[in-house]
Each structure stands twice: as structure tokens, then as C-alpha cells.
Amino acid sequence: MYSGKDGLRFECDVVMTKWLRLCVGISLLALSFTPLILGLVEILG
């Protein structure tokens, strides 16, 4: 059984992991889109 504090800490770890994954996913998307955006800017500019 969890004591209250351990349960809360576990909950925080899960939330942090979700945010970490989200941030990593956004970073990867940004990295993959950057060349496309730069290419468009060069073509349009």
C-alpha cells in the first residue's frame, strides 16, 4: 500500500513523464519542420 506522500510522488512522476514526452515530441516536430519552413522562405523570398 502507498502512504499518501509516496502516492502523490508517483502521481507527479507520471505527470512529469507525460509532459517530458510531449516536450520531446514537440521538439522533434519542430526540428523536422524547420528545413521545410526555411526552404519555403528561400523559395518565396
N, C-alpha and C. Protein backbone atom coordinates (compact mmCIF):
# COMPACT_ATOMS: atom_id res chain seq x y z
N MET A 1 0.84 -1.21 0.00
CA MET A 1 0.00 0.00 0.00
C MET A 1 0.87 1.26 0.00
N TYR A 2 0.36 2.29 -0.64
CA TYR A 2 1.09 3.55 -0.66
C TYR A 2 0.71 4.39 0.54
N SER A 3 1.67 5.07 1.11
CA SER A 3 1.32 6.15 2.03
C SER A 3 0.95 7.33 1.15
N GLY A 4 0.33 8.34 1.71
CA GLY A 4 -0.14 9.47 0.91
C GLY A 4 0.98 10.14 0.15
N LYS A 5 2.13 10.35 0.81
CA LYS A 5 3.21 11.09 0.18
C LYS A 5 3.79 10.30 -1.00
N ASP A 6 4.00 8.99 -0.81
CA ASP A 6 4.54 8.17 -1.89
C ASP A 6 3.58 8.13 -3.07
N GLY A 7 2.30 8.02 -2.80
CA GLY A 7 1.31 8.00 -3.88
C GLY A 7 1.34 9.30 -4.65
N LEU A 8 1.46 10.41 -3.92
CA LEU A 8 1.50 11.72 -4.56
C LEU A 8 2.75 11.85 -5.42
N ARG A 9 3.87 11.35 -4.89
CA ARG A 9 5.12 11.44 -5.64
C ARG A 9 5.01 10.62 -6.93
N PHE A 10 4.42 9.44 -6.83
CA PHE A 10 4.23 8.59 -8.01
C PHE A 10 3.38 9.32 -9.04
N GLU A 11 2.31 9.97 -8.57
CA GLU A 11 1.43 10.72 -9.45
C GLU A 11 2.21 11.83 -10.17
N CYS A 12 3.05 12.53 -9.43
CA CYS A 12 3.85 13.61 -10.01
C CYS A 12 4.81 13.06 -11.05
N ASP A 13 5.42 11.91 -10.76
CA ASP A 13 6.34 11.30 -11.72
C ASP A 13 5.62 10.98 -13.03
N VAL A 14 4.41 10.45 -12.92
CA VAL A 14 3.63 10.11 -14.13
C VAL A 14 3.33 11.37 -14.93
N VAL A 15 2.91 12.43 -14.23
CA VAL A 15 2.59 13.69 -14.91
C VAL A 15 3.83 14.28 -15.57
N MET A 16 4.95 14.26 -14.85
CA MET A 16 6.20 14.80 -15.40
C MET A 16 6.63 14.01 -16.63
N THR A 17 6.46 12.69 -16.57
CA THR A 17 6.84 11.86 -17.71
C THR A 17 5.99 12.21 -18.93
N LYS A 18 4.69 12.43 -18.72
CA LYS A 18 3.81 12.81 -19.83
C LYS A 18 4.26 14.14 -20.43
N TRP A 19 4.56 15.13 -19.58
CA TRP A 19 4.99 16.43 -20.07
C TRP A 19 6.31 16.33 -20.81
N LEU A 20 7.22 15.48 -20.25
CA LEU A 20 8.53 15.29 -20.88
C LEU A 20 8.36 14.71 -22.28
N ARG A 21 7.51 13.69 -22.40
CA ARG A 21 7.26 13.08 -23.71
C ARG A 21 6.66 14.10 -24.67
N LEU A 22 5.72 14.91 -24.17
CA LEU A 22 5.08 15.93 -25.00
C LEU A 22 6.12 16.92 -25.51
N CYS A 23 6.99 17.38 -24.60
CA CYS A 23 8.03 18.34 -24.98
C CYS A 23 8.98 17.75 -26.01
N VAL A 24 9.37 16.50 -25.80
CA VAL A 24 10.27 15.83 -26.75
C VAL A 24 9.59 15.71 -28.11
N GLY A 25 8.32 15.34 -28.11
CA GLY A 25 7.58 15.21 -29.36
C GLY A 25 7.50 16.53 -30.10
N ILE A 26 7.21 17.61 -29.37
CA ILE A 26 7.13 18.93 -29.99
C ILE A 26 8.48 19.34 -30.55
N SER A 27 9.55 19.05 -29.79
CA SER A 27 10.90 19.40 -30.25
C SER A 27 11.23 18.67 -31.54
N LEU A 28 10.91 17.38 -31.60
CA LEU A 28 11.20 16.60 -32.80
C LEU A 28 10.39 17.13 -33.99
N LEU A 29 9.13 17.48 -33.74
CA LEU A 29 8.31 18.04 -34.82
C LEU A 29 8.90 19.34 -35.32
N ALA A 30 9.31 20.20 -34.39
CA ALA A 30 9.90 21.48 -34.77
C ALA A 30 11.16 21.27 -35.59
N LEU A 31 11.99 20.32 -35.16
CA LEU A 31 13.23 20.04 -35.89
C LEU A 31 12.94 19.53 -37.29
N SER A 32 11.91 18.71 -37.44
CA SER A 32 11.61 18.15 -38.76
C SER A 32 10.95 19.20 -39.66
N PHE A 33 10.24 20.16 -39.07
CA PHE A 33 9.57 21.18 -39.88
C PHE A 33 10.48 22.34 -40.25
N THR A 34 11.54 22.57 -39.47
CA THR A 34 12.41 23.72 -39.70
C THR A 34 12.98 23.76 -41.12
N PRO A 35 13.54 22.65 -41.64
CA PRO A 35 14.07 22.69 -43.01
C PRO A 35 12.98 23.02 -44.04
N LEU A 36 11.78 22.50 -43.83
CA LEU A 36 10.68 22.79 -44.75
C LEU A 36 10.36 24.28 -44.75
N ILE A 37 10.28 24.86 -43.54
CA ILE A 37 9.95 26.28 -43.42
C ILE A 37 11.05 27.13 -44.04
N LEU A 38 12.31 26.77 -43.76
CA LEU A 38 13.43 27.52 -44.33
C LEU A 38 13.42 27.42 -45.85
N GLY A 39 13.10 26.24 -46.36
CA GLY A 39 13.02 26.06 -47.81
C GLY A 39 11.94 26.94 -48.42
N LEU A 40 10.78 26.99 -47.77
CA LEU A 40 9.68 27.84 -48.26
C LEU A 40 10.09 29.30 -48.24
N VAL A 41 10.76 29.72 -47.17
CA VAL A 41 11.18 31.12 -47.06
C VAL A 41 12.14 31.46 -48.19
N GLU A 42 13.06 30.55 -48.50
CA GLU A 42 14.02 30.81 -49.59
C GLU A 42 13.31 30.88 -50.93
N ILE A 43 12.34 29.98 -51.15
CA ILE A 43 11.60 29.97 -52.41
C ILE A 43 10.76 31.23 -52.56
N LEU A 44 10.02 31.58 -51.49
CA LEU A 44 9.13 32.73 -51.54
C LEU A 44 9.91 34.03 -51.49
N GLY A 45 11.01 34.05 -50.74
CA GLY A 45 11.79 35.27 -50.57
C GLY A 45 12.65 35.51 -51.79
